[in-house]
């Protein structure tokens, strides 16, 4: 039997029909995919596990 366990978080804008889909793999790498019309889009970013906090810190700086 083959199976996988995944974690998924979604930020969804239902009126404009787009979302960001955050998933992780078995190594802790985060995949951030932008999807239009709730279908897999062209834009995807892979963030290694040891870089996640740096990515969050950079986003916090942009928020100010």
N, C-alpha and C. Protein backbone atom coordinates (compact mmCIF):
# COMPACT_ATOMS: atom_id res chain seq x y z
N UNK A 1 0.84 -1.18 0.00
CA UNK A 1 0.00 0.00 0.00
C UNK A 1 0.89 1.24 0.00
N UNK A 2 0.59 2.18 -0.87
CA UNK A 2 1.31 3.43 -0.94
C UNK A 2 0.37 4.56 -0.55
N UNK A 3 0.86 5.44 0.31
CA UNK A 3 0.04 6.57 0.71
C UNK A 3 0.96 7.73 1.07
N UNK A 4 0.39 8.89 1.14
CA UNK A 4 1.15 10.06 1.56
C UNK A 4 0.29 10.89 2.50
N UNK A 5 0.96 11.56 3.40
CA UNK A 5 0.29 12.45 4.35
C UNK A 5 0.76 13.85 4.02
N UNK A 6 -0.17 14.76 3.83
CA UNK A 6 0.22 16.12 3.48
C UNK A 6 -0.53 17.11 4.36
N UNK A 7 0.07 18.28 4.45
CA UNK A 7 -0.54 19.38 5.17
C UNK A 7 -0.83 20.45 4.14
N UNK A 8 -2.01 21.05 4.21
CA UNK A 8 -2.41 22.02 3.20
C UNK A 8 -3.15 23.17 3.87
N UNK A 9 -2.78 24.39 3.48
CA UNK A 9 -3.46 25.59 3.95
C UNK A 9 -3.82 26.40 2.72
N UNK A 10 -5.00 26.98 2.74
CA UNK A 10 -5.47 27.71 1.57
C UNK A 10 -5.95 29.10 1.97
N UNK A 11 -5.53 30.11 1.20
CA UNK A 11 -6.07 31.46 1.31
C UNK A 11 -6.90 31.65 0.06
N UNK A 12 -8.21 31.85 0.23
CA UNK A 12 -9.11 31.84 -0.92
C UNK A 12 -9.91 33.14 -1.00
N UNK A 13 -9.99 33.69 -2.21
CA UNK A 13 -10.84 34.86 -2.49
C UNK A 13 -11.95 34.36 -3.40
N UNK A 14 -13.12 34.10 -2.82
CA UNK A 14 -14.19 33.44 -3.57
C UNK A 14 -14.82 34.33 -4.64
N UNK A 15 -14.86 35.63 -4.41
CA UNK A 15 -15.49 36.52 -5.39
C UNK A 15 -14.67 36.62 -6.67
N UNK A 16 -13.34 36.73 -6.54
CA UNK A 16 -12.48 36.85 -7.72
C UNK A 16 -11.93 35.51 -8.18
N UNK A 17 -12.25 34.45 -7.47
CA UNK A 17 -11.88 33.08 -7.81
C UNK A 17 -10.38 32.86 -7.98
N UNK A 18 -9.62 33.24 -6.98
CA UNK A 18 -8.20 32.93 -6.93
C UNK A 18 -7.86 32.49 -5.52
N UNK A 19 -6.75 31.81 -5.39
CA UNK A 19 -6.29 31.41 -4.06
C UNK A 19 -4.79 31.14 -4.06
N UNK A 20 -4.26 31.07 -2.86
CA UNK A 20 -2.89 30.62 -2.64
C UNK A 20 -3.00 29.29 -1.91
N UNK A 21 -2.32 28.30 -2.41
CA UNK A 21 -2.35 26.98 -1.81
C UNK A 21 -0.97 26.66 -1.27
N UNK A 22 -0.88 26.45 0.04
CA UNK A 22 0.37 26.13 0.72
C UNK A 22 0.36 24.64 1.05
N UNK A 23 1.36 23.90 0.58
CA UNK A 23 1.47 22.48 0.88
C UNK A 23 2.90 22.18 1.32
N UNK A 24 3.08 21.07 2.03
CA UNK A 24 4.41 20.64 2.44
C UNK A 24 4.65 19.22 1.97
N UNK A 25 5.93 18.90 1.78
CA UNK A 25 6.28 17.53 1.44
C UNK A 25 6.95 16.85 2.63
N UNK A 26 7.43 15.65 2.42
CA UNK A 26 8.01 14.88 3.53
C UNK A 26 9.31 15.47 4.05
N UNK A 27 9.92 16.41 3.32
CA UNK A 27 11.16 17.04 3.75
C UNK A 27 10.93 18.39 4.44
N UNK A 28 9.66 18.82 4.51
CA UNK A 28 9.34 20.10 5.14
C UNK A 28 9.41 21.27 4.18
N UNK A 29 9.65 21.01 2.89
CA UNK A 29 9.66 22.07 1.89
C UNK A 29 8.23 22.56 1.67
N UNK A 30 8.06 23.86 1.67
CA UNK A 30 6.74 24.45 1.46
C UNK A 30 6.60 24.86 0.00
N UNK A 31 5.50 24.47 -0.61
CA UNK A 31 5.18 24.86 -1.98
C UNK A 31 4.02 25.85 -1.89
N UNK A 32 4.24 27.06 -2.42
CA UNK A 32 3.19 28.08 -2.45
C UNK A 32 2.77 28.23 -3.90
N UNK A 33 1.53 27.89 -4.20
CA UNK A 33 1.03 27.97 -5.57
C UNK A 33 -0.10 29.00 -5.65
N UNK A 34 -0.01 29.88 -6.63
CA UNK A 34 -1.10 30.81 -6.90
C UNK A 34 -1.98 30.17 -7.95
N UNK A 35 -3.28 30.15 -7.67
CA UNK A 35 -4.21 29.50 -8.58
C UNK A 35 -5.33 30.47 -8.96
N UNK A 36 -5.58 30.60 -10.26
CA UNK A 36 -6.71 31.38 -10.74
C UNK A 36 -7.83 30.42 -11.08
N UNK A 37 -9.06 30.84 -10.80
CA UNK A 37 -10.24 30.00 -11.01
C UNK A 37 -10.11 28.68 -10.26
N UNK A 38 -9.34 28.71 -9.16
CA UNK A 38 -9.14 27.56 -8.28
C UNK A 38 -8.54 26.35 -9.00
N UNK A 39 -7.77 26.61 -10.06
CA UNK A 39 -7.05 25.56 -10.77
C UNK A 39 -5.57 25.84 -10.61
N UNK A 40 -4.75 24.81 -10.69
CA UNK A 40 -3.30 24.98 -10.53
C UNK A 40 -2.81 25.99 -11.55
N UNK A 41 -2.13 27.01 -11.06
CA UNK A 41 -1.67 28.09 -11.92
C UNK A 41 -0.23 27.92 -12.35
N UNK A 42 0.30 28.97 -12.93
CA UNK A 42 1.66 28.96 -13.44
C UNK A 42 2.68 29.34 -12.39
N UNK A 43 2.25 30.01 -11.34
CA UNK A 43 3.19 30.54 -10.36
C UNK A 43 3.28 29.62 -9.15
N UNK A 44 4.49 29.15 -8.88
CA UNK A 44 4.72 28.29 -7.72
C UNK A 44 6.08 28.63 -7.14
N UNK A 45 6.17 28.68 -5.82
CA UNK A 45 7.42 28.97 -5.12
C UNK A 45 7.71 27.82 -4.17
N UNK A 46 8.92 27.29 -4.21
CA UNK A 46 9.34 26.25 -3.27
C UNK A 46 10.23 26.90 -2.22
N UNK A 47 9.88 26.73 -0.95
CA UNK A 47 10.65 27.32 0.15
C UNK A 47 11.21 26.18 1.00
N UNK A 48 12.54 26.02 1.04
CA UNK A 48 13.13 24.97 1.86
C UNK A 48 12.81 25.18 3.35
N UNK A 49 12.74 24.08 4.08
CA UNK A 49 12.37 24.12 5.49
C UNK A 49 13.23 25.09 6.29
N UNK A 50 14.54 25.13 6.02
CA UNK A 50 15.42 25.99 6.81
C UNK A 50 15.36 27.46 6.39
N UNK A 51 14.54 27.78 5.39
CA UNK A 51 14.41 29.17 4.92
C UNK A 51 13.03 29.76 5.23
N UNK A 52 12.13 28.97 5.78
CA UNK A 52 10.76 29.42 6.01
C UNK A 52 10.71 30.66 6.89
N UNK A 53 11.46 30.69 7.98
CA UNK A 53 11.41 31.83 8.89
C UNK A 53 11.93 33.10 8.21
N UNK A 54 12.97 32.97 7.38
CA UNK A 54 13.49 34.13 6.64
C UNK A 54 12.43 34.66 5.67
N UNK A 55 11.70 33.77 5.06
CA UNK A 55 10.63 34.14 4.14
C UNK A 55 9.53 34.90 4.88
N UNK A 56 9.16 34.38 6.05
CA UNK A 56 8.14 35.04 6.88
C UNK A 56 8.63 36.41 7.33
N UNK A 57 9.88 36.50 7.75
CA UNK A 57 10.45 37.79 8.18
C UNK A 57 10.41 38.82 7.05
N UNK A 58 10.74 38.39 5.83
CA UNK A 58 10.72 39.30 4.69
C UNK A 58 9.30 39.79 4.41
N UNK A 59 8.32 38.90 4.50
CA UNK A 59 6.93 39.31 4.30
C UNK A 59 6.47 40.28 5.37
N UNK A 60 6.91 40.06 6.60
CA UNK A 60 6.57 40.99 7.70
C UNK A 60 7.13 42.38 7.42
N UNK A 61 8.34 42.45 6.87
CA UNK A 61 8.94 43.74 6.54
C UNK A 61 8.14 44.46 5.45
N UNK A 62 7.63 43.72 4.49
CA UNK A 62 6.83 44.32 3.43
C UNK A 62 5.46 44.79 3.91
N UNK A 63 5.00 44.19 4.99
CA UNK A 63 3.69 44.55 5.54
C UNK A 63 3.70 45.94 6.17
N UNK A 64 4.86 46.41 6.61
CA UNK A 64 4.96 47.70 7.30
C UNK A 64 4.83 48.88 6.38
